[in-house]
Amino acid sequence: MFEIFYNYGVEIMKYFQRIYKKYFIKKINSERCAWLTLICTDDYLYGVLALIRLLKRSKTIYPLIVLIVEDNVLNETKQQING
């Protein structure tokens, strides 16, 4: 799972490992799951907003994690995702 993101550097690999441990490793008799998406450029904004709306409508019990490549995404886009 983590080899795909190796080109992004060691820090992002550590971040993925922390997310994996936090949300995807099964604890004693309880599953930990989450929805995970990646936004690389501002062009992905509408897809992420649609996903957020869809998950809210479906009343999912799992959290949504949006990974943002900060170098390529404007602050306005980040604010729209958070808002």
N, C-alpha and C. Protein backbone atom coordinates (compact mmCIF):
# COMPACT_ATOMS: atom_id res chain seq x y z
N MET A 1 0.82 -1.20 0.00
CA MET A 1 0.00 0.00 0.00
C MET A 1 0.86 1.26 0.00
N PHE A 2 1.95 1.28 0.73
CA PHE A 2 2.73 2.50 0.88
C PHE A 2 3.78 2.69 -0.20
N GLU A 3 4.10 1.64 -0.95
CA GLU A 3 5.12 1.76 -1.97
C GLU A 3 4.70 2.72 -3.08
N ILE A 4 3.42 2.82 -3.35
CA ILE A 4 2.92 3.67 -4.42
C ILE A 4 3.30 5.13 -4.16
N PHE A 5 3.32 5.52 -2.91
CA PHE A 5 3.56 6.91 -2.55
C PHE A 5 5.02 7.19 -2.20
N TYR A 6 5.89 6.26 -2.48
CA TYR A 6 7.29 6.39 -2.08
C TYR A 6 7.94 7.62 -2.69
N ASN A 7 7.58 7.97 -3.91
CA ASN A 7 8.21 9.11 -4.58
C ASN A 7 7.91 10.43 -3.89
N TYR A 8 6.91 10.50 -3.05
CA TYR A 8 6.57 11.74 -2.37
C TYR A 8 7.43 11.99 -1.15
N GLY A 9 8.28 11.06 -0.81
CA GLY A 9 9.22 11.29 0.27
C GLY A 9 8.89 10.51 1.52
N VAL A 10 9.82 10.49 2.42
CA VAL A 10 9.72 9.70 3.65
C VAL A 10 8.63 10.24 4.55
N GLU A 11 8.48 11.57 4.63
CA GLU A 11 7.50 12.16 5.54
C GLU A 11 6.08 11.76 5.20
N ILE A 12 5.73 11.76 3.91
CA ILE A 12 4.38 11.38 3.54
C ILE A 12 4.15 9.89 3.79
N MET A 13 5.22 9.08 3.66
CA MET A 13 5.09 7.66 3.97
C MET A 13 4.76 7.48 5.45
N LYS A 14 5.43 8.23 6.31
CA LYS A 14 5.16 8.14 7.74
C LYS A 14 3.73 8.57 8.04
N TYR A 15 3.26 9.60 7.34
CA TYR A 15 1.91 10.08 7.53
C TYR A 15 0.89 9.01 7.14
N PHE A 16 1.09 8.34 6.00
CA PHE A 16 0.20 7.26 5.58
C PHE A 16 0.22 6.12 6.59
N GLN A 17 1.38 5.80 7.12
CA GLN A 17 1.47 4.73 8.10
C GLN A 17 0.69 5.06 9.37
N ARG A 18 0.76 6.35 9.81
CA ARG A 18 -0.01 6.76 11.00
C ARG A 18 -1.50 6.66 10.73
N ILE A 19 -1.94 7.09 9.55
CA ILE A 19 -3.36 7.00 9.20
C ILE A 19 -3.79 5.53 9.15
N TYR A 20 -2.95 4.72 8.55
CA TYR A 20 -3.27 3.29 8.44
C TYR A 20 -3.45 2.68 9.83
N LYS A 21 -2.53 2.98 10.73
CA LYS A 21 -2.62 2.43 12.09
C LYS A 21 -3.83 2.97 12.83
N LYS A 22 -4.14 4.24 12.64
CA LYS A 22 -5.23 4.87 13.37
C LYS A 22 -6.60 4.38 12.91
N TYR A 23 -6.80 4.21 11.60
CA TYR A 23 -8.12 3.94 11.09
C TYR A 23 -8.34 2.53 10.54
N PHE A 24 -7.28 1.85 10.14
CA PHE A 24 -7.48 0.60 9.43
C PHE A 24 -7.02 -0.65 10.17
N ILE A 25 -6.26 -0.51 11.23
CA ILE A 25 -5.82 -1.68 11.99
C ILE A 25 -6.94 -2.09 12.93
N LYS A 26 -7.30 -3.35 12.90
CA LYS A 26 -8.37 -3.83 13.78
C LYS A 26 -7.87 -3.90 15.21
N LYS A 27 -8.66 -3.34 16.08
CA LYS A 27 -8.39 -3.44 17.51
C LYS A 27 -9.20 -4.61 18.05
N ILE A 28 -9.15 -4.86 19.33
CA ILE A 28 -9.82 -6.01 19.92
C ILE A 28 -11.31 -5.97 19.60
N ASN A 29 -11.75 -6.86 18.72
CA ASN A 29 -13.14 -7.05 18.34
C ASN A 29 -13.84 -5.79 17.82
N SER A 30 -13.13 -4.82 17.35
CA SER A 30 -13.79 -3.66 16.75
C SER A 30 -13.02 -3.23 15.51
N GLU A 31 -13.76 -3.00 14.44
CA GLU A 31 -13.13 -2.57 13.20
C GLU A 31 -12.94 -1.07 13.21
N ARG A 32 -11.86 -0.62 12.61
CA ARG A 32 -11.62 0.81 12.43
C ARG A 32 -11.51 1.05 10.94
N CYS A 33 -12.41 1.86 10.43
CA CYS A 33 -12.44 2.13 9.00
C CYS A 33 -12.59 3.62 8.76
N ALA A 34 -12.26 4.05 7.56
CA ALA A 34 -12.43 5.45 7.17
C ALA A 34 -12.48 5.52 5.65
N TRP A 35 -13.09 6.58 5.16
CA TRP A 35 -13.04 6.90 3.75
C TRP A 35 -11.79 7.75 3.55
N LEU A 36 -11.04 7.49 2.49
CA LEU A 36 -9.78 8.18 2.25
C LEU A 36 -9.73 8.65 0.80
N THR A 37 -9.42 9.92 0.60
CA THR A 37 -9.26 10.44 -0.76
C THR A 37 -8.07 11.39 -0.79
N LEU A 38 -7.57 11.62 -1.98
CA LEU A 38 -6.39 12.45 -2.17
C LEU A 38 -6.73 13.57 -3.14
N ILE A 39 -6.34 14.80 -2.80
CA ILE A 39 -6.53 15.93 -3.71
C ILE A 39 -5.15 16.47 -4.07
N CYS A 40 -4.81 16.36 -5.35
CA CYS A 40 -3.47 16.75 -5.82
C CYS A 40 -3.44 18.16 -6.38
N THR A 41 -4.53 18.58 -7.02
CA THR A 41 -4.62 19.92 -7.60
C THR A 41 -6.01 20.47 -7.34
N ASP A 42 -6.20 21.74 -7.66
CA ASP A 42 -7.51 22.38 -7.49
C ASP A 42 -8.57 21.75 -8.39
N ASP A 43 -8.15 21.09 -9.44
CA ASP A 43 -9.10 20.45 -10.36
C ASP A 43 -9.90 19.34 -9.69
N TYR A 44 -9.40 18.79 -8.59
CA TYR A 44 -10.07 17.70 -7.89
C TYR A 44 -11.13 18.20 -6.90
N LEU A 45 -11.25 19.52 -6.73
CA LEU A 45 -12.13 20.08 -5.71
C LEU A 45 -13.57 19.62 -5.86
N TYR A 46 -14.13 19.69 -7.06
CA TYR A 46 -15.54 19.35 -7.24
C TYR A 46 -15.81 17.88 -6.95
N GLY A 47 -14.87 17.02 -7.25
CA GLY A 47 -15.03 15.61 -6.93
C GLY A 47 -15.01 15.37 -5.43
N VAL A 48 -14.13 16.07 -4.72
CA VAL A 48 -14.06 15.93 -3.26
C VAL A 48 -15.33 16.47 -2.61
N LEU A 49 -15.81 17.63 -3.10
CA LEU A 49 -17.05 18.19 -2.55
C LEU A 49 -18.24 17.28 -2.80
N ALA A 50 -18.27 16.65 -3.97
CA ALA A 50 -19.34 15.69 -4.27
C ALA A 50 -19.25 14.48 -3.34
N LEU A 51 -18.05 14.00 -3.08
CA LEU A 51 -17.87 12.88 -2.17
C LEU A 51 -18.31 13.24 -0.76
N ILE A 52 -17.95 14.44 -0.29
CA ILE A 52 -18.36 14.88 1.04
C ILE A 52 -19.89 14.92 1.13
N ARG A 53 -20.54 15.51 0.12
CA ARG A 53 -22.00 15.60 0.10
C ARG A 53 -22.64 14.21 0.09
N LEU A 54 -22.10 13.31 -0.71
CA LEU A 54 -22.63 11.95 -0.81
C LEU A 54 -22.50 11.21 0.52
N LEU A 55 -21.35 11.33 1.18
CA LEU A 55 -21.15 10.64 2.44
C LEU A 55 -22.05 11.20 3.54
N LYS A 56 -22.26 12.52 3.53
CA LYS A 56 -23.18 13.12 4.50
C LYS A 56 -24.60 12.63 4.27
N ARG A 57 -25.01 12.57 3.00
CA ARG A 57 -26.36 12.10 2.68
C ARG A 57 -26.57 10.64 3.06
N SER A 58 -25.54 9.85 2.91
CA SER A 58 -25.66 8.42 3.23
C SER A 58 -25.55 8.15 4.73
N LYS A 59 -25.20 9.20 5.50
CA LYS A 59 -25.08 9.10 6.96
C LYS A 59 -24.08 8.01 7.37
N THR A 60 -22.95 8.00 6.71
CA THR A 60 -21.91 7.02 7.02
C THR A 60 -21.39 7.22 8.44
N ILE A 61 -20.99 6.14 9.05
CA ILE A 61 -20.44 6.24 10.41
C ILE A 61 -18.93 6.40 10.38
N TYR A 62 -18.35 6.28 9.21
CA TYR A 62 -16.89 6.35 9.09
C TYR A 62 -16.45 7.78 8.74
N PRO A 63 -15.33 8.23 9.28
CA PRO A 63 -14.84 9.57 8.96
C PRO A 63 -14.24 9.62 7.56
N LEU A 64 -14.21 10.82 7.00
CA LEU A 64 -13.57 11.05 5.71
C LEU A 64 -12.23 11.73 5.96
N ILE A 65 -11.19 11.17 5.39
CA ILE A 65 -9.84 11.75 5.48
C ILE A 65 -9.48 12.26 4.09
N VAL A 66 -9.19 13.55 3.99
CA VAL A 66 -8.79 14.14 2.72
C VAL A 66 -7.30 14.50 2.83
N LEU A 67 -6.49 13.82 2.06
CA LEU A 67 -5.06 14.12 2.00
C LEU A 67 -4.85 15.20 0.94
N ILE A 68 -4.17 16.27 1.30
CA ILE A 68 -3.99 17.40 0.39
C ILE A 68 -2.50 17.59 0.10
N VAL A 69 -2.15 17.64 -1.18
CA VAL A 69 -0.79 17.97 -1.58
C VAL A 69 -0.70 19.50 -1.53
N GLU A 70 -0.12 20.02 -0.46
CA GLU A 70 -0.17 21.45 -0.18
C GLU A 70 0.51 22.31 -1.21
N ASP A 71 1.53 21.80 -1.86
CA ASP A 71 2.26 22.60 -2.85
C ASP A 71 1.40 22.94 -4.07
N ASN A 72 0.42 22.08 -4.37
CA ASN A 72 -0.37 22.23 -5.60
C ASN A 72 -1.78 22.76 -5.37
N VAL A 73 -2.21 22.92 -4.13
CA VAL A 73 -3.59 23.27 -3.84
C VAL A 73 -3.63 24.65 -3.17
N LEU A 74 -4.50 25.52 -3.67
CA LEU A 74 -4.63 26.87 -3.13
C LEU A 74 -5.32 26.87 -1.76
N ASN A 75 -5.07 27.90 -0.98
CA ASN A 75 -5.70 28.02 0.34
C ASN A 75 -7.21 28.13 0.22
N GLU A 76 -7.73 28.77 -0.84
CA GLU A 76 -9.18 28.88 -1.04
C GLU A 76 -9.81 27.50 -1.21
N THR A 77 -9.12 26.62 -1.90
CA THR A 77 -9.62 25.26 -2.10
C THR A 77 -9.67 24.53 -0.76
N LYS A 78 -8.63 24.69 0.05
CA LYS A 78 -8.60 24.05 1.37
C LYS A 78 -9.75 24.56 2.22
N GLN A 79 -10.04 25.85 2.15
CA GLN A 79 -11.13 26.42 2.94
C GLN A 79 -12.48 25.88 2.50
N GLN A 80 -12.66 25.67 1.19
CA GLN A 80 -13.91 25.11 0.70
C GLN A 80 -14.11 23.69 1.17
N ILE A 81 -13.03 22.93 1.27
CA ILE A 81 -13.14 21.55 1.75
C ILE A 81 -13.48 21.53 3.23
N ASN A 82 -12.85 22.42 4.01
CA ASN A 82 -13.11 22.47 5.45
C ASN A 82 -14.47 23.05 5.78
N GLY A 83 -15.00 23.92 4.91
CA GLY A 83 -16.24 24.61 5.20
C GLY A 83 -17.42 23.83 4.78
